[in-house]
Full PDB file with SEQRES, HELIX, SHEET, SSBOND, CRYST1, ORIGX, SCALE, CONECT and MASTER records, all heavy atoms in Angstrom:
SEQRES   1 A   37  LEU GLN ALA PHE SER ALA ARG SER ALA SER GLY ILE MET          
SEQRES   2 A   37  ALA ARG LYS LYS THR GLU GLU ALA ALA LEU ALA ALA LYS          
SEQRES   3 A   37  VAL ALA ALA ASP ASP LEU VAL VAL ILE GLY VAL                  
HELIX    1 AA1 ALA A    9  LEU A   23  1                                  15    
HELIX    2 AA2 ALA A   29  ASP A   31  5                                   3    
CRYST1    1.000    1.000    1.000  90.00  90.00  90.00 P 1           1          
ORIGX1      1.000000  0.000000  0.000000        0.00000                         
ORIGX2      0.000000  1.000000  0.000000        0.00000                         
ORIGX3      0.000000  0.000000  1.000000        0.00000                         
SCALE1      1.000000  0.000000  0.000000        0.00000                         
SCALE2      0.000000  1.000000  0.000000        0.00000                         
SCALE3      0.000000  0.000000  1.000000        0.00000                         
ATOM      1  N   LEU A   1       0.853  -1.191   0.000  1.00  0.00           N  
ATOM      2  CA  LEU A   1       0.000   0.000   0.000  1.00  0.00           C  
ATOM      3  C   LEU A   1       0.886   1.237   0.000  1.00  0.00           C  
ATOM      4  O   LEU A   1       1.832   1.322   0.778  1.00  0.00           O  
ATOM      5  CB  LEU A   1      -0.895   0.026   1.234  1.00  0.00           C  
ATOM      6  CG  LEU A   1      -1.816  -1.172   1.475  1.00  0.00           C  
ATOM      7  CD1 LEU A   1      -2.477  -1.062   2.850  1.00  0.00           C  
ATOM      8  CD2 LEU A   1      -2.889  -1.250   0.380  1.00  0.00           C  
ATOM      9  N   GLN A   2       0.571   2.187  -0.858  1.00  0.00           N  
ATOM     10  CA  GLN A   2       1.290   3.465  -0.855  1.00  0.00           C  
ATOM     11  C   GLN A   2       0.275   4.590  -0.717  1.00  0.00           C  
ATOM     12  O   GLN A   2      -0.507   4.849  -1.627  1.00  0.00           O  
ATOM     13  CB  GLN A   2       2.103   3.645  -2.133  1.00  0.00           C  
ATOM     14  CG  GLN A   2       2.750   5.019  -2.264  1.00  0.00           C  
ATOM     15  CD  GLN A   2       3.790   5.282  -1.178  1.00  0.00           C  
ATOM     16  OE1 GLN A   2       4.740   4.525  -1.042  1.00  0.00           O  
ATOM     17  NE2 GLN A   2       3.618   6.363  -0.409  1.00  0.00           N  
ATOM     18  N   ALA A   3       0.284   5.232   0.444  1.00  0.00           N  
ATOM     19  CA  ALA A   3      -0.586   6.382   0.659  1.00  0.00           C  
ATOM     20  C   ALA A   3       0.025   7.584  -0.053  1.00  0.00           C  
ATOM     21  O   ALA A   3       1.228   7.830   0.052  1.00  0.00           O  
ATOM     22  CB  ALA A   3      -0.738   6.657   2.153  1.00  0.00           C  
ATOM     23  N   PHE A   4      -0.805   8.338  -0.784  1.00  0.00           N  
ATOM     24  CA  PHE A   4      -0.295   9.488  -1.527  1.00  0.00           C  
ATOM     25  C   PHE A   4      -1.444  10.421  -1.874  1.00  0.00           C  
ATOM     26  O   PHE A   4      -2.619  10.071  -1.746  1.00  0.00           O  
ATOM     27  CB  PHE A   4       0.405   9.035  -2.815  1.00  0.00           C  
ATOM     28  CG  PHE A   4      -0.546   8.630  -3.922  1.00  0.00           C  
ATOM     29  CD1 PHE A   4      -0.750   9.463  -5.008  1.00  0.00           C  
ATOM     30  CD2 PHE A   4      -1.247   7.433  -3.862  1.00  0.00           C  
ATOM     31  CE1 PHE A   4      -1.635   9.114  -6.019  1.00  0.00           C  
ATOM     32  CE2 PHE A   4      -2.129   7.061  -4.873  1.00  0.00           C  
ATOM     33  CZ  PHE A   4      -2.319   7.909  -5.960  1.00  0.00           C  
ATOM     34  N   SER A   5      -1.099  11.613  -2.331  1.00  0.00           N  
ATOM     35  CA  SER A   5      -2.068  12.548  -2.880  1.00  0.00           C  
ATOM     36  C   SER A   5      -1.571  12.984  -4.244  1.00  0.00           C  
ATOM     37  O   SER A   5      -0.397  13.346  -4.400  1.00  0.00           O  
ATOM     38  CB  SER A   5      -2.243  13.780  -1.983  1.00  0.00           C  
ATOM     39  OG  SER A   5      -3.010  14.770  -2.664  1.00  0.00           O  
ATOM     40  N   ALA A   6      -2.452  12.962  -5.239  1.00  0.00           N  
ATOM     41  CA  ALA A   6      -2.065  13.367  -6.584  1.00  0.00           C  
ATOM     42  C   ALA A   6      -1.827  14.874  -6.664  1.00  0.00           C  
ATOM     43  O   ALA A   6      -1.283  15.362  -7.656  1.00  0.00           O  
ATOM     44  CB  ALA A   6      -3.144  12.956  -7.584  1.00  0.00           C  
ATOM     45  N   ARG A   7      -2.202  15.599  -5.622  1.00  0.00           N  
ATOM     46  CA  ARG A   7      -1.934  17.041  -5.596  1.00  0.00           C  
ATOM     47  C   ARG A   7      -0.474  17.332  -5.283  1.00  0.00           C  
ATOM     48  O   ARG A   7      -0.006  18.450  -5.451  1.00  0.00           O  
ATOM     49  CB  ARG A   7      -2.816  17.709  -4.537  1.00  0.00           C  
ATOM     50  CG  ARG A   7      -4.281  17.753  -4.907  1.00  0.00           C  
ATOM     51  CD  ARG A   7      -5.106  18.416  -3.841  1.00  0.00           C  
ATOM     52  NE  ARG A   7      -4.765  19.834  -3.690  1.00  0.00           N  
ATOM     53  CZ  ARG A   7      -5.389  20.654  -2.852  1.00  0.00           C  
ATOM     54  NH1 ARG A   7      -6.354  20.188  -2.067  1.00  0.00           N  
ATOM     55  NH2 ARG A   7      -5.056  21.909  -2.783  1.00  0.00           N  
ATOM     56  N   SER A   8       0.231  16.332  -4.807  1.00  0.00           N  
ATOM     57  CA  SER A   8       1.618  16.502  -4.390  1.00  0.00           C  
ATOM     58  C   SER A   8       2.558  15.794  -5.363  1.00  0.00           C  
ATOM     59  O   SER A   8       2.397  14.599  -5.637  1.00  0.00           O  
ATOM     60  CB  SER A   8       1.808  15.933  -2.975  1.00  0.00           C  
ATOM     61  OG  SER A   8       3.157  15.733  -2.680  1.00  0.00           O  
ATOM     62  N   ALA A   9       3.556  16.545  -5.863  1.00  0.00           N  
ATOM     63  CA  ALA A   9       4.530  15.930  -6.763  1.00  0.00           C  
ATOM     64  C   ALA A   9       5.310  14.833  -6.038  1.00  0.00           C  
ATOM     65  O   ALA A   9       5.627  13.787  -6.621  1.00  0.00           O  
ATOM     66  CB  ALA A   9       5.493  16.995  -7.289  1.00  0.00           C  
ATOM     67  N   SER A  10       5.600  15.058  -4.750  1.00  0.00           N  
ATOM     68  CA  SER A  10       6.323  14.044  -3.980  1.00  0.00           C  
ATOM     69  C   SER A  10       5.466  12.804  -3.781  1.00  0.00           C  
ATOM     70  O   SER A  10       5.982  11.679  -3.757  1.00  0.00           O  
ATOM     71  CB  SER A  10       6.754  14.614  -2.624  1.00  0.00           C  
ATOM     72  OG  SER A  10       5.620  14.979  -1.847  1.00  0.00           O  
ATOM     73  N   GLY A  11       4.155  12.995  -3.673  1.00  0.00           N  
ATOM     74  CA  GLY A  11       3.254  11.855  -3.536  1.00  0.00           C  
ATOM     75  C   GLY A  11       3.200  11.022  -4.803  1.00  0.00           C  
ATOM     76  O   GLY A  11       3.241   9.782  -4.751  1.00  0.00           O  
ATOM     77  N   ILE A  12       3.133  11.680  -5.960  1.00  0.00           N  
ATOM     78  CA  ILE A  12       3.128  10.985  -7.247  1.00  0.00           C  
ATOM     79  C   ILE A  12       4.433  10.200  -7.419  1.00  0.00           C  
ATOM     80  O   ILE A  12       4.437   9.042  -7.835  1.00  0.00           O  
ATOM     81  CB  ILE A  12       2.954  11.981  -8.406  1.00  0.00           C  
ATOM     82  CG1 ILE A  12       1.548  12.598  -8.383  1.00  0.00           C  
ATOM     83  CG2 ILE A  12       3.216  11.303  -9.738  1.00  0.00           C  
ATOM     84  CD1 ILE A  12       0.437  11.639  -8.716  1.00  0.00           C  
ATOM     85  N   MET A  13       5.539  10.843  -7.077  1.00  0.00           N  
ATOM     86  CA  MET A  13       6.844  10.185  -7.221  1.00  0.00           C  
ATOM     87  C   MET A  13       6.983   9.010  -6.253  1.00  0.00           C  
ATOM     88  O   MET A  13       7.500   7.949  -6.620  1.00  0.00           O  
ATOM     89  CB  MET A  13       7.961  11.195  -6.973  1.00  0.00           C  
ATOM     90  CG  MET A  13       9.361  10.636  -7.197  1.00  0.00           C  
ATOM     91  SD  MET A  13       9.618   9.983  -8.871  1.00  0.00           S  
ATOM     92  CE  MET A  13       9.503  11.521  -9.832  1.00  0.00           C  
ATOM     93  N   ALA A  14       6.496   9.192  -5.014  1.00  0.00           N  
ATOM     94  CA  ALA A  14       6.580   8.112  -4.022  1.00  0.00           C  
ATOM     95  C   ALA A  14       5.790   6.899  -4.482  1.00  0.00           C  
ATOM     96  O   ALA A  14       6.244   5.756  -4.330  1.00  0.00           O  
ATOM     97  CB  ALA A  14       6.066   8.603  -2.675  1.00  0.00           C  
ATOM     98  N   ARG A  15       4.601   7.136  -5.053  1.00  0.00           N  
ATOM     99  CA  ARG A  15       3.788   6.018  -5.518  1.00  0.00           C  
ATOM    100  C   ARG A  15       4.510   5.244  -6.613  1.00  0.00           C  
ATOM    101  O   ARG A  15       4.551   4.014  -6.614  1.00  0.00           O  
ATOM    102  CB  ARG A  15       2.439   6.546  -6.025  1.00  0.00           C  
ATOM    103  CG  ARG A  15       1.428   5.442  -6.328  1.00  0.00           C  
ATOM    104  CD  ARG A  15       0.650   5.762  -7.564  1.00  0.00           C  
ATOM    105  NE  ARG A  15       1.484   5.991  -8.715  1.00  0.00           N  
ATOM    106  CZ  ARG A  15       2.063   5.020  -9.438  1.00  0.00           C  
ATOM    107  NH1 ARG A  15       1.931   3.756  -9.091  1.00  0.00           N  
ATOM    108  NH2 ARG A  15       2.805   5.316 -10.490  1.00  0.00           N  
ATOM    109  N   LYS A  16       5.132   5.976  -7.539  1.00  0.00           N  
ATOM    110  CA  LYS A  16       5.850   5.331  -8.642  1.00  0.00           C  
ATOM    111  C   LYS A  16       7.046   4.529  -8.128  1.00  0.00           C  
ATOM    112  O   LYS A  16       7.272   3.386  -8.538  1.00  0.00           O  
ATOM    113  CB  LYS A  16       6.321   6.393  -9.638  1.00  0.00           C  
ATOM    114  CG  LYS A  16       7.037   5.812 -10.846  1.00  0.00           C  
ATOM    115  CD  LYS A  16       7.463   6.916 -11.800  1.00  0.00           C  
ATOM    116  CE  LYS A  16       8.210   6.331 -13.009  1.00  0.00           C  
ATOM    117  NZ  LYS A  16       8.639   7.394 -13.948  1.00  0.00           N  
ATOM    118  N   LYS A  17       7.827   5.134  -7.215  1.00  0.00           N  
ATOM    119  CA  LYS A  17       9.013   4.465  -6.693  1.00  0.00           C  
ATOM    120  C   LYS A  17       8.642   3.227  -5.884  1.00  0.00           C  
ATOM    121  O   LYS A  17       9.348   2.213  -5.927  1.00  0.00           O  
ATOM    122  CB  LYS A  17       9.818   5.438  -5.835  1.00  0.00           C  
ATOM    123  CG  LYS A  17      10.580   6.481  -6.643  1.00  0.00           C  
ATOM    124  CD  LYS A  17      11.437   7.360  -5.746  1.00  0.00           C  
ATOM    125  CE  LYS A  17      12.276   8.334  -6.555  1.00  0.00           C  
ATOM    126  NZ  LYS A  17      13.121   9.190  -5.676  1.00  0.00           N  
ATOM    127  N   THR A  18       7.546   3.295  -5.150  1.00  0.00           N  
ATOM    128  CA  THR A  18       7.108   2.140  -4.362  1.00  0.00           C  
ATOM    129  C   THR A  18       6.683   1.002  -5.270  1.00  0.00           C  
ATOM    130  O   THR A  18       6.992  -0.165  -5.009  1.00  0.00           O  
ATOM    131  CB  THR A  18       5.966   2.537  -3.420  1.00  0.00           C  
ATOM    132  OG1 THR A  18       6.459   3.464  -2.455  1.00  0.00           O  
ATOM    133  CG2 THR A  18       5.387   1.323  -2.704  1.00  0.00           C  
ATOM    134  N   GLU A  19       5.988   1.327  -6.346  1.00  0.00           N  
ATOM    135  CA  GLU A  19       5.604   0.293  -7.314  1.00  0.00           C  
ATOM    136  C   GLU A  19       6.844  -0.379  -7.889  1.00  0.00           C  
ATOM    137  O   GLU A  19       6.924  -1.612  -7.967  1.00  0.00           O  
ATOM    138  CB  GLU A  19       4.776   0.919  -8.441  1.00  0.00           C  
ATOM    139  CG  GLU A  19       4.365  -0.086  -9.511  1.00  0.00           C  
ATOM    140  CD  GLU A  19       3.659   0.565 -10.690  1.00  0.00           C  
ATOM    141  OE1 GLU A  19       3.468   1.804 -10.680  1.00  0.00           O  
ATOM    142  OE2 GLU A  19       3.318  -0.163 -11.637  1.00  0.00           O  
ATOM    143  N   GLU A  20       7.838   0.423  -8.280  1.00  0.00           N  
ATOM    144  CA  GLU A  20       9.078  -0.129  -8.840  1.00  0.00           C  
ATOM    145  C   GLU A  20       9.811  -0.982  -7.810  1.00  0.00           C  
ATOM    146  O   GLU A  20      10.363  -2.041  -8.146  1.00  0.00           O  
ATOM    147  CB  GLU A  20       9.976   1.014  -9.321  1.00  0.00           C  
ATOM    148  CG  GLU A  20       9.417   1.758 -10.537  1.00  0.00           C  
ATOM    149  CD  GLU A  20      10.205   3.015 -10.869  1.00  0.00           C  
ATOM    150  OE1 GLU A  20      11.056   3.413 -10.039  1.00  0.00           O  
ATOM    151  OE2 GLU A  20       9.969   3.589 -11.945  1.00  0.00           O  
ATOM    152  N   ALA A  21       9.824  -0.523  -6.555  1.00  0.00           N  
ATOM    153  CA  ALA A  21      10.506  -1.271  -5.490  1.00  0.00           C  
ATOM    154  C   ALA A  21       9.834  -2.610  -5.241  1.00  0.00           C  
ATOM    155  O   ALA A  21      10.500  -3.623  -4.997  1.00  0.00           O  
ATOM    156  CB  ALA A  21      10.529  -0.448  -4.213  1.00  0.00           C  
ATOM    157  N   ALA A  22       8.501  -2.625  -5.290  1.00  0.00           N  
ATOM    158  CA  ALA A  22       7.768  -3.882  -5.080  1.00  0.00           C  
ATOM    159  C   ALA A  22       8.071  -4.867  -6.205  1.00  0.00           C  
ATOM    160  O   ALA A  22       8.302  -6.059  -5.965  1.00  0.00           O  
ATOM    161  CB  ALA A  22       6.277  -3.597  -5.004  1.00  0.00           C  
ATOM    162  N   LEU A  23       8.094  -4.376  -7.445  1.00  0.00           N  
ATOM    163  CA  LEU A  23       8.371  -5.251  -8.586  1.00  0.00           C  
ATOM    164  C   LEU A  23       9.814  -5.745  -8.574  1.00  0.00           C  
ATOM    165  O   LEU A  23      10.108  -6.834  -9.082  1.00  0.00           O  
ATOM    166  CB  LEU A  23       8.074  -4.513  -9.893  1.00  0.00           C  
ATOM    167  CG  LEU A  23       6.600  -4.119 -10.111  1.00  0.00           C  
ATOM    168  CD1 LEU A  23       6.445  -3.317 -11.394  1.00  0.00           C  
ATOM    169  CD2 LEU A  23       5.703  -5.351 -10.137  1.00  0.00           C  
ATOM    170  N   ALA A  24      10.702  -4.950  -7.965  1.00  0.00           N  
ATOM    171  CA  ALA A  24      12.120  -5.341  -7.891  1.00  0.00           C  
ATOM    172  C   ALA A  24      12.330  -6.579  -7.026  1.00  0.00           C  
ATOM    173  O   ALA A  24      13.379  -7.225  -7.106  1.00  0.00           O  
ATOM    174  CB  ALA A  24      12.960  -4.184  -7.342  1.00  0.00           C  
ATOM    175  N   ALA A  25      11.343  -6.911  -6.206  1.00  0.00           N  
ATOM    176  CA  ALA A  25      11.437  -8.116  -5.376  1.00  0.00           C  
ATOM    177  C   ALA A  25      11.325  -9.386  -6.214  1.00  0.00           C  
ATOM    178  O   ALA A  25      11.628 -10.476  -5.723  1.00  0.00           O  
ATOM    179  CB  ALA A  25      10.362  -8.096  -4.297  1.00  0.00           C  
ATOM    180  N   LYS A  26      10.863  -9.222  -7.454  1.00  0.00           N  
ATOM    181  CA  LYS A  26      10.747 -10.349  -8.401  1.00  0.00           C  
ATOM    182  C   LYS A  26       9.881 -11.479  -7.841  1.00  0.00           C  
ATOM    183  O   LYS A  26      10.246 -12.656  -7.872  1.00  0.00           O  
ATOM    184  CB  LYS A  26      12.127 -10.872  -8.803  1.00  0.00           C  
ATOM    185  CG  LYS A  26      13.004  -9.824  -9.481  1.00  0.00           C  
ATOM    186  CD  LYS A  26      14.306 -10.407  -9.981  1.00  0.00           C  
ATOM    187  CE  LYS A  26      15.221  -9.343 -10.566  1.00  0.00           C  
ATOM    188  NZ  LYS A  26      14.631  -8.580 -11.662  1.00  0.00           N  
ATOM    189  N   VAL A  27       8.741 -11.069  -7.311  1.00  0.00           N  
ATOM    190  CA  VAL A  27       7.762 -12.022  -6.800  1.00  0.00           C  
ATOM    191  C   VAL A  27       6.784 -12.348  -7.917  1.00  0.00           C  
ATOM    192  O   VAL A  27       6.484 -11.484  -8.764  1.00  0.00           O  
ATOM    193  CB  VAL A  27       7.020 -11.419  -5.585  1.00  0.00           C  
ATOM    194  CG1 VAL A  27       5.860 -12.292  -5.148  1.00  0.00           C  
ATOM    195  CG2 VAL A  27       7.996 -11.226  -4.436  1.00  0.00           C  
ATOM    196  N   ALA A  28       6.285 -13.568  -7.940  1.00  0.00           N  
ATOM    197  CA  ALA A  28       5.322 -13.963  -8.970  1.00  0.00           C  
ATOM    198  C   ALA A  28       4.135 -12.994  -8.975  1.00  0.00           C  
ATOM    199  O   ALA A  28       3.657 -12.566  -7.923  1.00  0.00           O  
ATOM    200  CB  ALA A  28       4.830 -15.381  -8.699  1.00  0.00           C  
ATOM    201  N   ALA A  29       3.692 -12.640 -10.168  1.00  0.00           N  
ATOM    202  CA  ALA A  29       2.627 -11.643 -10.313  1.00  0.00           C  
ATOM    203  C   ALA A  29       1.369 -12.017  -9.528  1.00  0.00           C  
ATOM    204  O   ALA A  29       0.679 -11.139  -8.989  1.00  0.00           O  
ATOM    205  CB  ALA A  29       2.299 -11.468 -11.798  1.00  0.00           C  
ATOM    206  N   ASP A  30       1.080 -13.310  -9.452  1.00  0.00           N  
ATOM    207  CA  ASP A  30      -0.123 -13.755  -8.739  1.00  0.00           C  
ATOM    208  C   ASP A  30       0.010 -13.610  -7.227  1.00  0.00           C  
ATOM    209  O   ASP A  30      -0.985 -13.701  -6.510  1.00  0.00           O  
ATOM    210  CB  ASP A  30      -0.432 -15.221  -9.069  1.00  0.00           C  
ATOM    211  CG  ASP A  30      -0.929 -15.398 -10.497  1.00  0.00           C  
ATOM    212  OD1 ASP A  30      -1.309 -14.383 -11.121  1.00  0.00           O  
ATOM    213  OD2 ASP A  30      -0.919 -16.543 -10.985  1.00  0.00           O  
ATOM    214  N   ASP A  31       1.233 -13.402  -6.748  1.00  0.00           N  
ATOM    215  CA  ASP A  31       1.471 -13.325  -5.309  1.00  0.00           C  
ATOM    216  C   ASP A  31       1.573 -11.897  -4.789  1.00  0.00           C  
ATOM    217  O   ASP A  31       1.700 -11.689  -3.576  1.00  0.00           O  
ATOM    218  CB  ASP A  31       2.773 -14.050  -4.943  1.00  0.00           C  
ATOM    219  CG  ASP A  31       2.610 -15.552  -4.935  1.00  0.00           C  
ATOM    220  OD1 ASP A  31       1.458 -16.011  -4.900  1.00  0.00           O  
ATOM    221  OD2 ASP A  31       3.629 -16.266  -4.966  1.00  0.00           O  
ATOM    222  N   LEU A  32       1.525 -10.916  -5.674  1.00  0.00           N  
ATOM    223  CA  LEU A  32       1.774  -9.531  -5.269  1.00  0.00           C  
ATOM    224  C   LEU A  32       0.713  -8.587  -5.821  1.00  0.00           C  
ATOM    225  O   LEU A  32       0.335  -8.674  -6.993  1.00  0.00           O  
ATOM    226  CB  LEU A  32       3.153  -9.091  -5.784  1.00  0.00           C  
ATOM    227  CG  LEU A  32       3.567  -7.639  -5.544  1.00  0.00           C  
ATOM    228  CD1 LEU A  32       3.749  -7.374  -4.044  1.00  0.00           C  
ATOM    229  CD2 LEU A  32       4.849  -7.312  -6.299  1.00  0.00           C  
ATOM    230  N   VAL A  33       0.245  -7.695  -4.950  1.00  0.00           N  
ATOM    231  CA  VAL A  33      -0.695  -6.646  -5.363  1.00  0.00           C  
ATOM    232  C   VAL A  33      -0.175  -5.316  -4.829  1.00  0.00           C  
ATOM    233  O   VAL A  33       0.125  -5.192  -3.641  1.00  0.00           O  
ATOM    234  CB  VAL A  33      -2.123  -6.897  -4.817  1.00  0.00           C  
ATOM    235  CG1 VAL A  33      -3.062  -5.766  -5.243  1.00  0.00           C  
ATOM    236  CG2 VAL A  33      -2.651  -8.235  -5.300  1.00  0.00           C  
ATOM    237  N   VAL A  34      -0.057  -4.328  -5.711  1.00  0.00           N  
ATOM    238  CA  VAL A  34       0.356  -2.986  -5.322  1.00  0.00           C  
ATOM    239  C   VAL A  34      -0.854  -2.063  -5.470  1.00  0.00           C  
ATOM    240  O   VAL A  34      -1.482  -2.020  -6.533  1.00  0.00           O  
ATOM    241  CB  VAL A  34       1.514  -2.470  -6.195  1.00  0.00           C  
ATOM    242  CG1 VAL A  34       1.936  -1.069  -5.745  1.00  0.00           C  
ATOM    243  CG2 VAL A  34       2.701  -3.425  -6.138  1.00  0.00           C  
ATOM    244  N   ILE A  35      -1.175  -1.356  -4.399  1.00  0.00           N  
ATOM    245  CA  ILE A  35      -2.360  -0.487  -4.395  1.00  0.00           C  
ATOM    246  C   ILE A  35      -1.966   0.906  -3.936  1.00  0.00           C  
ATOM    247  O   ILE A  35      -1.336   1.072  -2.890  1.00  0.00           O  
ATOM    248  CB  ILE A  35      -3.455  -1.049  -3.455  1.00  0.00           C  
ATOM    249  CG1 ILE A  35      -3.866  -2.450  -3.883  1.00  0.00           C  
ATOM    250  CG2 ILE A  35      -4.672  -0.118  -3.444  1.00  0.00           C  
ATOM    251  CD1 ILE A  35      -4.821  -3.123  -2.912  1.00  0.00           C  
ATOM    252  N   GLY A  36      -2.349   1.903  -4.712  1.00  0.00           N  
ATOM    253  CA  GLY A  36      -2.196   3.282  -4.278  1.00  0.00           C  
ATOM    254  C   GLY A  36      -3.390   3.675  -3.422  1.00  0.00           C  
ATOM    255  O   GLY A  36      -4.531   3.323  -3.752  1.00  0.00           O  
ATOM    256  N   VAL A  37      -3.133   4.349  -2.324  1.00  0.00           N  
ATOM    257  CA  VAL A  37      -4.222   4.798  -1.440  1.00  0.00           C  
ATOM    258  C   VAL A  37      -4.224   6.328  -1.480  1.00  0.00           C  
ATOM    259  O   VAL A  37      -3.342   6.976  -0.912  1.00  0.00           O  
ATOM    260  CB  VAL A  37      -4.021   4.302   0.007  1.00  0.00           C  
ATOM    261  CG1 VAL A  37      -5.144   4.819   0.900  1.00  0.00           C  
ATOM    262  CG2 VAL A  37      -3.963   2.784   0.049  1.00  0.00           C  
TER     263      VAL A  37                                                      
MASTER        0    0    0    2    0    0    0    6  262    1    0    3          
END                                                                             
């Protein structure tokens, strides 16, 4: 889960970086869900 606000540039960037970091774990797609809050 990545809490963010689209009104904030830092929030948009944090959401993107968190998604990339989660995918970097190289976990099977069926085992991982990334959700922006």
